[in-house]
Structures are given as structure tokens and as C-alpha cells.
Protein backbone atom coordinates (compact mmCIF):
# COMPACT_ATOMS: atom_id res chain seq x y z
CA MET A 1 -34.46 -0.71 -12.89
CA LYS A 2 -31.80 1.47 -11.31
CA TRP A 3 -34.27 2.45 -8.55
CA LEU A 4 -34.75 -1.21 -7.66
CA SER A 5 -31.01 -1.71 -7.25
CA LEU A 6 -30.84 1.31 -4.95
CA VAL A 7 -33.75 0.02 -2.88
CA CYS A 8 -32.07 -3.36 -2.56
CA ILE A 9 -28.85 -1.77 -1.33
CA PHE A 10 -30.79 0.37 1.14
CA LEU A 11 -32.65 -2.65 2.48
CA SER A 12 -29.42 -4.60 2.76
CA SER A 13 -28.01 -1.91 5.04
CA ILE A 14 -30.97 -2.48 7.37
CA VAL A 15 -31.25 -6.25 7.28
CA PHE A 16 -27.61 -7.16 7.02
CA ALA A 17 -25.91 -4.70 9.35
CA GLY A 18 -22.82 -6.14 11.01
CA GLU A 19 -23.42 -7.96 14.26
CA GLU A 20 -20.88 -8.25 17.04
CA LEU A 21 -19.33 -11.70 17.34
CA GLU A 22 -16.79 -12.52 20.02
CA VAL A 23 -14.72 -15.67 19.53
CA GLU A 24 -13.13 -17.03 22.69
CA LEU A 25 -9.90 -18.92 21.99
CA SER A 26 -7.97 -21.58 23.86
CA SER A 27 -5.21 -19.04 24.56
CA GLY A 28 -7.66 -17.04 26.65
CA ASN A 29 -7.77 -14.24 24.09
CA VAL A 30 -11.05 -13.04 22.61
CA ILE A 31 -11.26 -11.76 19.04
CA SER A 32 -13.98 -9.23 18.34
CA ILE A 33 -15.61 -9.57 14.93
CA ASP A 34 -18.09 -7.42 13.07
CA ALA A 35 -20.02 -10.19 11.33
CA TYR A 36 -22.11 -9.72 8.19
CA ALA A 37 -24.16 -12.90 7.79
CA SER A 38 -25.86 -14.28 4.71
CA ASP A 39 -25.92 -17.98 5.64
CA GLY A 40 -23.79 -18.84 2.63
CA ASP A 41 -20.83 -21.20 2.37
CA THR A 42 -18.20 -18.59 1.40
CA LEU A 43 -16.52 -16.33 3.95
CA PHE A 44 -14.41 -13.22 3.50
CA LEU A 45 -12.09 -13.04 6.50
CA TYR A 46 -11.25 -9.34 6.60
CA LEU A 47 -8.03 -8.64 8.49
CA PRO A 48 -6.95 -5.08 9.33
CA SER A 49 -4.06 -3.13 7.90
CA GLU A 50 -1.49 -1.88 10.37
CA ARG A 51 -3.73 1.16 10.87
CA GLY A 52 -6.90 -0.79 11.50
CA PHE A 53 -10.18 -0.16 9.70
CA GLY A 54 -11.97 3.00 8.79
CA LYS A 55 -15.76 2.96 8.57
CA GLY A 56 -15.78 3.33 4.82
CA HIS A 57 -15.74 -0.42 4.22
CA VAL A 58 -19.20 -0.97 5.75
CA PRO A 59 -21.34 -0.37 2.59
CA THR A 60 -19.18 -2.80 0.63
CA MET A 61 -19.51 -5.46 3.31
CA GLN A 62 -23.28 -4.98 3.35
CA GLN A 63 -23.45 -5.36 -0.42
CA LEU A 64 -21.36 -8.54 -0.29
CA THR A 65 -23.80 -9.94 2.23
CA PHE A 66 -26.71 -9.05 -0.03
CA GLU A 67 -24.95 -10.99 -2.82
CA GLY A 68 -24.64 -14.13 -0.70
CA TYR A 69 -21.22 -13.82 0.93
CA ASP A 70 -20.49 -13.80 4.65
CA VAL A 71 -17.91 -11.34 5.96
CA TRP A 72 -16.05 -11.34 9.26
CA VAL A 73 -14.27 -8.05 9.98
CA ALA A 74 -11.73 -8.99 12.64
CA ASP A 75 -10.97 -6.01 14.90
CA LEU A 76 -7.57 -7.25 16.02
CA HIS A 77 -6.29 -3.92 17.34
CA THR A 78 -9.14 -3.72 19.83
CA SER A 79 -8.97 -7.42 20.63
CA TYR A 80 -5.28 -7.26 21.52
CA MET A 81 -5.41 -3.67 22.84
CA THR A 82 -2.69 -2.78 20.35
CA PRO A 83 -2.11 0.80 19.08
CA LYS A 84 -2.55 1.33 15.36
CA HIS A 85 0.98 1.59 14.05
CA ARG A 86 3.28 0.20 11.37
CA SER A 87 4.57 -2.42 13.79
CA SER A 88 1.15 -3.51 15.09
CA ILE A 89 0.66 -6.40 12.66
CA GLY A 90 3.55 -8.30 14.22
CA ARG A 91 1.83 -8.26 17.63
CA PHE A 92 -1.11 -10.44 16.67
CA ASN A 93 -1.05 -14.12 17.63
CA ILE A 94 -0.84 -16.39 14.58
CA ASP A 95 -2.05 -19.42 16.55
CA ASP A 96 -5.14 -17.47 17.60
CA LEU A 97 -5.92 -16.65 13.97
CA LEU A 98 -5.40 -20.27 12.94
CA GLU A 99 -7.96 -21.20 15.59
CA LEU A 100 -10.27 -18.53 14.19
CA VAL A 101 -10.02 -20.12 10.74
CA ASP A 102 -10.86 -23.49 12.28
CA TYR A 103 -13.80 -21.87 14.08
CA ALA A 104 -15.07 -20.67 10.70
CA ARG A 105 -14.67 -24.17 9.27
CA LYS A 106 -16.79 -25.58 12.07
CA LYS A 107 -19.44 -22.99 11.19
CA SER A 108 -19.81 -24.88 7.88
CA PHE A 109 -17.94 -22.45 5.63
CA ASN A 110 -16.18 -24.43 2.93
CA LYS A 111 -14.50 -21.50 1.14
CA ILE A 112 -12.51 -18.76 2.84
CA PHE A 113 -10.90 -15.78 1.11
CA PHE A 114 -8.64 -13.40 3.01
CA LEU A 115 -9.26 -9.70 2.45
CA THR A 116 -6.86 -7.04 3.72
CA SER A 117 -4.54 -4.18 2.81
CA GLY A 118 -1.12 -2.71 3.58
CA ARG A 119 0.93 -4.73 6.07
CA GLY A 120 -2.16 -6.78 6.83
CA ALA A 121 -1.15 -8.77 3.73
CA GLN A 122 1.84 -10.16 5.62
CA LEU A 123 -0.47 -11.39 8.37
CA ALA A 124 -2.93 -12.98 5.94
CA LEU A 125 -0.15 -14.77 4.05
CA LYS A 126 1.37 -16.10 7.27
CA VAL A 127 -1.95 -17.44 8.57
CA ALA A 128 -2.79 -19.06 5.25
CA TYR A 129 0.64 -20.66 4.92
CA GLN A 130 0.63 -22.08 8.44
CA TRP A 131 -2.93 -23.37 8.04
CA GLN A 132 -1.91 -25.26 4.92
CA LEU A 133 1.09 -26.79 6.66
CA ASN A 134 -1.09 -27.88 9.57
CA ASN A 135 -3.95 -29.11 7.35
CA SER A 136 -2.28 -30.54 4.28
CA LYS A 137 -5.48 -32.13 2.92
CA SER A 138 -7.70 -29.11 3.49
CA THR A 139 -9.05 -27.09 0.56
CA LEU A 140 -10.76 -24.55 2.80
CA LEU A 141 -8.57 -21.56 1.90
CA LYS A 142 -9.11 -20.31 -1.63
CA GLY A 143 -7.12 -17.11 -2.03
CA HIS A 144 -6.25 -13.54 -1.06
CA ILE A 145 -7.68 -10.19 -2.11
CA LEU A 146 -5.02 -7.61 -1.26
CA HIS A 147 -5.34 -3.84 -1.50
CA SER A 148 -1.92 -2.22 -2.03
CA PRO A 149 -0.08 -4.91 -0.03
CA HIS A 150 3.05 -3.83 1.83
CA LEU A 151 5.37 -6.82 1.60
CA ILE A 152 8.73 -5.06 1.79
CA ASP A 153 11.15 -6.26 4.47
CA GLY A 154 12.17 -3.29 6.57
CA LYS A 155 12.96 0.07 5.04
CA PRO A 156 14.99 -0.17 1.80
CA ASP A 157 17.73 2.35 1.21
CA LEU A 158 17.00 4.74 -1.62
CA GLY A 159 18.49 3.53 -4.86
CA LYS A 160 18.53 -0.09 -3.74
CA THR A 161 16.17 -2.87 -4.79
CA ALA A 162 13.88 -3.69 -1.90
CA ASN A 163 13.94 -7.05 -0.18
CA TYR A 164 10.58 -8.69 0.36
CA VAL A 165 9.42 -10.62 3.42
CA ASP A 166 9.98 -14.35 3.20
CA ILE A 167 6.28 -15.17 3.46
CA ALA A 168 5.63 -13.35 0.17
CA LYS A 169 7.90 -15.86 -1.55
CA LEU A 170 6.11 -18.85 0.00
CA SER A 171 2.55 -17.99 -0.94
CA ASN A 172 0.88 -20.64 -3.08
CA LEU A 173 -2.76 -19.52 -2.97
CA PRO A 174 -4.05 -17.32 -5.80
CA VAL A 175 -3.76 -13.60 -5.12
CA TYR A 176 -5.86 -10.75 -6.51
CA LEU A 177 -4.02 -7.42 -6.22
CA LEU A 178 -5.92 -4.13 -6.23
CA LEU A 179 -3.71 -1.14 -6.95
CA PRO A 180 -5.06 2.44 -7.07
CA GLN A 181 -3.01 4.80 -9.23
CA PHE A 182 -2.49 7.36 -6.49
CA GLY A 183 -0.74 4.98 -4.14
CA THR A 184 2.87 3.90 -3.67
CA LYS A 185 2.34 0.33 -4.92
CA TYR A 186 0.83 1.22 -8.31
CA PHE A 187 4.12 1.21 -10.22
CA ARG A 188 5.37 -1.81 -8.27
CA GLY A 189 2.61 -4.20 -9.30
CA GLU A 190 4.79 -6.43 -11.46
CA GLU A 191 7.51 -6.49 -8.82
CA ILE A 192 5.07 -7.54 -6.09
CA ALA A 193 3.51 -10.16 -8.35
CA ALA A 194 6.94 -11.59 -9.18
CA GLN A 195 7.64 -12.14 -5.47
CA LEU A 196 4.29 -13.84 -4.85
CA LYS A 197 4.73 -16.13 -7.84
CA LYS A 198 7.93 -17.59 -6.37
CA GLY A 199 5.89 -19.79 -4.06
CA GLY A 200 3.48 -20.85 -6.78
CA SER A 201 0.74 -18.23 -6.40
CA GLU A 202 -1.25 -17.29 -9.47
CA VAL A 203 -1.41 -13.50 -9.32
CA PHE A 204 -3.97 -11.18 -10.90
CA VAL A 205 -3.35 -7.43 -10.98
CA HIS A 206 -6.30 -5.03 -11.03
CA ARG A 207 -5.31 -1.37 -11.47
CA PHE A 208 -7.62 1.53 -10.66
CA LYS A 209 -6.75 4.52 -12.84
CA ASP A 210 -7.14 7.97 -11.23
CA VAL A 211 -8.17 6.41 -7.92
CA HIS A 212 -6.63 7.31 -4.55
CA GLY A 213 -5.04 4.88 -2.14
CA GLY A 214 -7.25 3.75 0.74
CA PHE A 215 -10.44 4.44 -1.22
CA HIS A 216 -11.92 1.16 -0.01
CA MET A 217 -11.77 2.23 3.65
CA ARG A 218 -12.52 5.95 3.48
CA ASP A 219 -15.83 7.68 4.00
CA VAL A 220 -17.53 8.94 0.85
CA LYS A 221 -17.07 12.58 1.88
CA ASP A 222 -13.29 12.11 1.60
CA LEU A 223 -13.40 10.63 -1.91
CA THR A 224 -13.42 12.00 -5.44
CA LYS A 225 -16.16 11.05 -7.91
CA ILE A 226 -13.82 8.52 -9.53
CA ASP A 227 -12.93 7.07 -6.11
CA ILE A 228 -16.63 6.70 -5.29
CA LYS A 229 -17.31 4.95 -8.58
CA ALA A 230 -14.50 2.48 -7.89
CA LYS A 231 -15.73 1.94 -4.36
CA ASP A 232 -19.34 1.45 -5.45
CA GLY A 233 -18.14 -1.34 -7.73
CA LEU A 234 -15.96 -3.09 -5.15
CA SER A 235 -18.44 -5.84 -4.30
CA ASP A 236 -18.61 -6.73 -8.00
CA THR A 237 -14.81 -6.59 -8.16
CA TYR A 238 -14.52 -8.96 -5.22
CA HIS A 239 -17.10 -11.27 -6.78
CA ARG A 240 -15.10 -11.43 -10.02
CA ALA A 241 -11.93 -12.06 -8.03
CA VAL A 242 -13.60 -14.96 -6.20
CA ARG A 243 -14.80 -16.53 -9.44
CA LEU A 244 -11.38 -16.11 -11.03
CA MET A 245 -9.39 -17.50 -8.10
CA SER A 246 -11.82 -20.41 -7.70
CA THR A 247 -10.65 -21.75 -11.08
CA ILE A 248 -7.03 -22.14 -9.91
CA ASN A 249 -5.58 -25.48 -8.88
CA VAL A 250 -3.54 -24.97 -5.71
CA PHE A 251 -0.42 -27.05 -5.11
CA LYS A 252 1.15 -27.81 -1.74
CA PRO A 253 3.22 -24.97 -0.27
CA PHE A 254 7.00 -25.06 -0.14
CA ILE A 255 8.51 -25.81 3.26
CA ALA A 256 10.39 -22.82 4.64
CA ASN A 257 13.88 -23.34 6.04
CA LYS A 258 13.52 -20.39 8.44
CA ASP A 259 11.00 -18.93 10.87
CA ILE A 260 8.56 -17.16 8.57
CA GLN A 261 6.39 -16.02 11.48
CA LYS A 262 9.03 -13.55 12.59
CA SER A 263 7.96 -10.00 11.76
CA PRO A 264 10.34 -7.61 9.99
CA LYS A 265 11.70 -4.75 12.03
CA VAL A 266 10.32 -1.31 11.29
CA VAL A 267 13.28 1.03 11.58
CA SER A 268 12.71 4.73 12.13
CA SER A 269 15.26 7.27 10.99
CA GLY A 270 15.97 10.75 12.22
CA PRO A 271 15.43 13.86 10.10
CA VAL A 272 18.96 14.10 8.65
CA LEU A 273 20.33 13.62 5.16
CA LYS A 274 22.07 10.26 4.94
CA PRO A 275 25.10 9.43 2.80
CA TYR A 276 23.90 7.67 -0.32
CA LYS A 277 25.27 4.16 -0.93
CA GLY A 278 23.57 3.18 -4.18
CA LYS A 279 24.47 3.68 -7.82
CA GLN A 280 26.24 7.04 -8.05
CA ARG A 281 24.85 8.23 -11.37
CA ILE A 282 21.35 7.52 -12.66
CA ARG A 283 19.82 8.76 -15.87
CA LEU A 284 16.92 11.21 -15.57
CA ARG A 285 15.45 12.84 -18.65
CA LEU A 286 11.75 13.68 -18.63
CA LYS A 287 9.20 16.08 -20.02
CA THR A 288 8.35 18.98 -17.72
CA PHE A 289 5.02 20.48 -16.76
CA ASP A 290 5.83 23.26 -19.26
CA ASP A 291 6.24 20.69 -22.09
CA GLN A 292 10.02 21.00 -22.21
CA ILE A 293 12.54 18.17 -22.05
CA LEU A 294 14.75 18.39 -18.99
CA ASP A 295 17.91 16.36 -18.43
CA ILE A 296 19.70 16.55 -15.08
CA ASN A 297 23.01 16.33 -16.96
CA SER A 298 22.38 19.94 -17.96
CA TYR A 299 22.89 20.96 -14.31
CA LYS A 300 26.61 20.23 -14.16
CA ASN A 301 28.50 22.56 -11.80
CA GLN A 302 25.36 22.91 -9.68
CA VAL A 303 24.26 21.10 -6.56
CA VAL A 304 20.85 19.56 -7.28
CA LEU A 305 18.13 18.39 -4.92
CA LEU A 306 15.72 15.95 -6.59
CA ASN A 307 12.35 15.64 -4.86
CA PHE A 308 9.98 12.79 -5.88
CA TRP A 309 6.44 13.75 -4.88
CA ALA A 310 2.71 13.63 -5.66
CA SER A 311 -0.12 16.02 -4.84
CA TRP A 312 -2.15 13.27 -3.14
CA CYS A 313 0.75 12.61 -0.74
CA LYS A 314 0.15 14.73 2.39
CA PRO A 315 3.78 14.68 3.63
CA CYS A 316 4.88 15.75 0.13
CA VAL A 317 2.57 18.74 0.16
CA LYS A 318 3.50 19.62 3.73
CA GLU A 319 7.19 19.99 2.88
CA ILE A 320 6.68 22.20 -0.21
CA PRO A 321 6.94 25.53 1.70
CA SER A 322 10.29 24.51 3.21
CA LEU A 323 11.58 23.47 -0.24
CA ILE A 324 10.69 26.89 -1.59
CA ARG A 325 12.38 28.58 1.38
CA LEU A 326 15.49 26.48 0.83
CA GLN A 327 15.68 27.44 -2.84
CA GLN A 328 15.27 31.09 -1.87
CA GLN A 329 18.03 30.81 0.70
CA PHE A 330 20.47 29.59 -1.96
CA LYS A 331 19.12 31.74 -4.81
CA ASP A 332 22.51 33.36 -5.52
CA GLN A 333 24.48 30.12 -5.38
CA SER A 334 24.90 27.10 -7.64
CA PHE A 335 21.95 25.21 -6.22
CA GLN A 336 18.73 23.99 -7.85
CA ILE A 337 15.73 22.03 -6.60
CA ILE A 338 13.99 19.89 -9.23
CA THR A 339 10.75 18.13 -8.41
CA ILE A 340 9.56 14.91 -10.07
CA ASN A 341 5.81 14.40 -9.97
CA ILE A 342 4.78 10.76 -9.98
CA GLY A 343 2.04 9.50 -12.26
CA GLU A 344 -0.39 12.44 -12.24
CA SER A 345 -2.05 14.01 -15.26
CA LYS A 346 -1.31 17.57 -16.33
CA LYS A 347 -4.91 18.50 -15.51
CA ASP A 348 -4.57 17.23 -11.94
CA MET A 349 -1.30 19.08 -11.65
CA ALA A 350 -2.81 22.30 -12.99
CA ASP A 351 -5.67 22.08 -10.48
CA PHE A 352 -3.20 21.51 -7.66
CA LEU A 353 -0.94 24.41 -8.69
CA LYS A 354 -3.91 26.76 -8.54
CA LYS A 355 -4.10 26.04 -4.83
CA VAL A 356 -0.44 25.53 -3.90
CA LYS A 357 2.36 27.77 -5.10
CA LEU A 358 5.27 25.67 -6.36
CA GLU A 359 7.72 27.80 -8.30
CA LEU A 360 10.22 25.02 -8.95
CA PRO A 361 10.90 22.94 -12.07
CA ILE A 362 8.47 20.01 -12.28
CA MET A 363 9.40 16.88 -14.23
CA LEU A 364 6.63 14.39 -14.99
CA ASP A 365 7.22 10.71 -14.33
CA THR A 366 3.95 9.65 -15.95
CA ASP A 367 4.72 5.93 -16.28
CA GLY A 368 6.76 5.42 -13.10
CA GLN A 369 9.99 4.59 -14.92
CA ALA A 370 12.03 7.13 -12.96
CA VAL A 371 10.59 5.71 -9.73
CA LYS A 372 11.96 2.30 -10.71
CA ASP A 373 15.30 3.62 -12.01
CA TRP A 374 15.96 5.58 -8.82
CA GLY A 375 14.79 2.86 -6.41
CA VAL A 376 11.95 4.91 -4.93
CA TYR A 377 9.46 2.97 -2.79
CA ALA A 378 7.93 5.79 -0.74
CA TYR A 379 6.91 9.38 -1.33
CA PRO A 380 8.42 11.86 -0.86
CA SER A 381 11.94 10.62 -1.61
CA ASN A 382 14.89 12.93 -2.06
CA PHE A 383 18.38 12.84 -3.54
CA VAL A 384 21.15 15.43 -3.34
CA LEU A 385 23.65 15.48 -6.21
CA ASP A 386 26.99 17.27 -6.07
CA LYS A 387 28.38 19.54 -8.79
CA ASP A 388 29.71 16.54 -10.70
CA GLY A 389 26.26 14.94 -10.83
CA VAL A 390 27.19 12.28 -8.24
CA ILE A 391 24.45 11.32 -5.76
CA ARG A 392 25.85 12.15 -2.33
CA TYR A 393 22.88 12.18 0.06
CA ALA A 394 19.35 10.81 0.17
CA TYR A 395 16.33 10.90 2.45
CA ARG A 396 13.13 8.88 2.41
CA GLY A 397 10.26 10.94 3.76
CA ALA A 398 9.44 14.60 4.35
CA LEU A 399 11.79 17.14 5.90
CA GLU A 400 11.88 20.74 7.01
CA TRP A 401 14.36 21.57 4.30
CA ASP A 402 15.51 24.90 5.71
CA ALA A 403 16.36 23.40 9.12
CA PRO A 404 19.95 24.35 10.08
CA GLU A 405 21.32 20.78 10.02
CA ILE A 406 19.96 20.23 6.49
CA VAL A 407 21.22 23.59 5.22
CA ASN A 408 24.68 22.93 6.67
CA THR A 409 24.90 19.55 4.92
CA ILE A 410 24.05 21.13 1.55
CA LYS A 411 26.60 23.91 2.14
CA THR A 412 29.38 21.31 2.25
CA LEU A 413 28.72 20.60 -1.45
CA LEU A 414 28.61 24.20 -2.67
């Protein structure tokens, strides 16, 4: 019967292709929607991440339609003529989106689930919260399906515990988290869930082993076989999430004592090593790629650069040549670069090392414990330790490590 399933999917792509829907609002703004209609009573309101939508989501939306769900893909970046950027989510009008929800209610939908990813989660949580405050007796909103939600407030300093946006702590609707292994939120699932539970949300965590971040939005040609399998099953995953969240009794939301609609500032930093202000000494003892046990305490009397990275992280890979050049520049001095690979299998590492030359010690943080101990929330992340093992500098992001200003900073420790 496999052929029948394939035929059904093919037909659904013809019959249920998204249709353009433009919703004119009282503010004068118009929201453009790619609507997938099934004439059901349940709507997925799909809000963009800060970087908008790819085209890879289309087959999943078509399959959802075939299974009886309606989907509205709200192209907010185009509607508001806003560039796709980390700060873009804060530029969308909450009142407009509340009116959009009411428009959906008037279209006879009686169940709405928000679907989004990244910083789009902040937007979905804000809209849902405000709708509940404005419509205290409404049971229209049923929950959130969030791919790798970015709910951190600002840019946390390395080594520090991140603060989360206030709206994350006020959520009371059930939340279904989807976390691919090769993404920065995978090892933070419990931490994210703990924040969402503060407002009363029931949180379900669905992990995708060996799957890359953004798989739900990417075109098939950019995915691995495991990614494709996960993506092919997304409509079933969403269906299970809907059934699960529909069993939850939702209580009234807490009343915030501050303006939760205010968006966190996205602060950019220049490419310089910054003095480290966190815990000065942190334990790090892991197995290496060569099956040895490596302890950074064995590098006393040497300046050490610790580089947290992953092969699926493009900025991480981009900075590898400059790391190697830096090590070569200090080859006759008391300086050592140690890399910490995050959550990848030895097979994946071996395949990567066949393509990219990385002649530096590689520690394996297979379970993400070092990521948590060192307060790492983004990859790559870097720490510079002095000869006494004290963390002196840190940098979140990729660098050209042999740039003069970076080299000069390291020289002060030698």
C-alpha cells in the first residue's frame, strides 16, 4: 500500500497547494498569508522565525492539509517590508496579529495551534498571552509547536547562566518542543522547558537524534537521509503533538507586572577577545577523538585556547584554518589550542576529518555536559586560559584567530 500513500501525497500537492490570502487589518496593514485549506476546524498559524521561511516547509503543509488541518503561513517579513534579521521579530505589530487570530475565529476555526521556530517563538508566545488576557473566556488557542525556540534575553556572557525573556515565564498553553541534535538548543531542552513551566505550561520535549537544525524548512537537496526521514514524518509528529496538547487543561495566565511586549535588544560585539567575568576555573576532563582521557589541568604553565565547535556549524568550520595558523605561529611557545566537539559521533567526526584538516587535540562532549558547565549557548564559543589555568578572555562566535589584535592579546599571557 506504500504506492497508494505516495499517490495521495502527490495528489495533495496538486489539490491543496497554498493559495494567497491577504488580510486587511484596521491598522491599515495587510498581512500576506500562504493558505493551505482543508475546510476543517483546526488551524496551524505558522509564524516565521527571524529569518523568515524557506521553501522546504511546503510539502509538510500540504500533507497536513491532506490530513484535515488548515495552515496559514504568515509572511510577516514581506507584509511589513522588514529585512530578515535577528531583530526583525520585534518589528511586527502584536495588535495586528491579535486581529489576525480574531479573523481566524470568525472563519469558524475553533482550535488554533501556533507553529514557529527560533525567535518566532517569542512572537507566538506574546500573541497567545495577550489574546488570553483580552479574551479570558476563550478556549480558541490550544498550544504551541516550537522548533528550537530562541527564548534567551539578549546575548549572555560566556560562563554565565542565560536570562530568558519574560514572556517565556508567562506561557500557560501547552508547548511541544522539537529539538534536532545538531542545533544549539538540543542540550538546553530541560532548561527551556523549566522556563516555560513557570507560567503553567505543560511542556513536551521531542528530540531528533542525528538530525540537523532547520531541517523542517530546508529543501530536500540540502538534507541528509536522516534529516529527510525526520522531515517526511513531521506531519505525523505535528498530529501527535496536537492530540497530546488537546488533553491538557489550561488555566488562566498570570498577570505580568511589566511590559512583556517589549522586545529584547540584540547586541552585536566586535571581533575582539573580551575579559572574562564568570567563574575563573571550570573542570574539563573528557575523552578525546583518539580515545584518550584529557584533562585541562595537565596544561599548567601553558596558555590554552578552548574552542567549542561542531562540524555542522558553518562559522565553526570557517574559522578552523585561522586556528591552525595561530597554533603554528606559537608553535615554539607555551601555547596550546584544544577543541571540544559538541555532541557528534566518532563516525561523523571521522568523515568530517577526511575533508577538513584539523591537527589539534579534539575532546568529545558527547552528552553536552561541558556545554552546560562552561555556560555555552552558541557555537563556536572560545575561552583563553592563562598559565595558571585561570580563564582570562572569552569570545562568542567565530574569529580570524591570527588577526594582529587577537595575537597581541594572547601574547600578553605568554
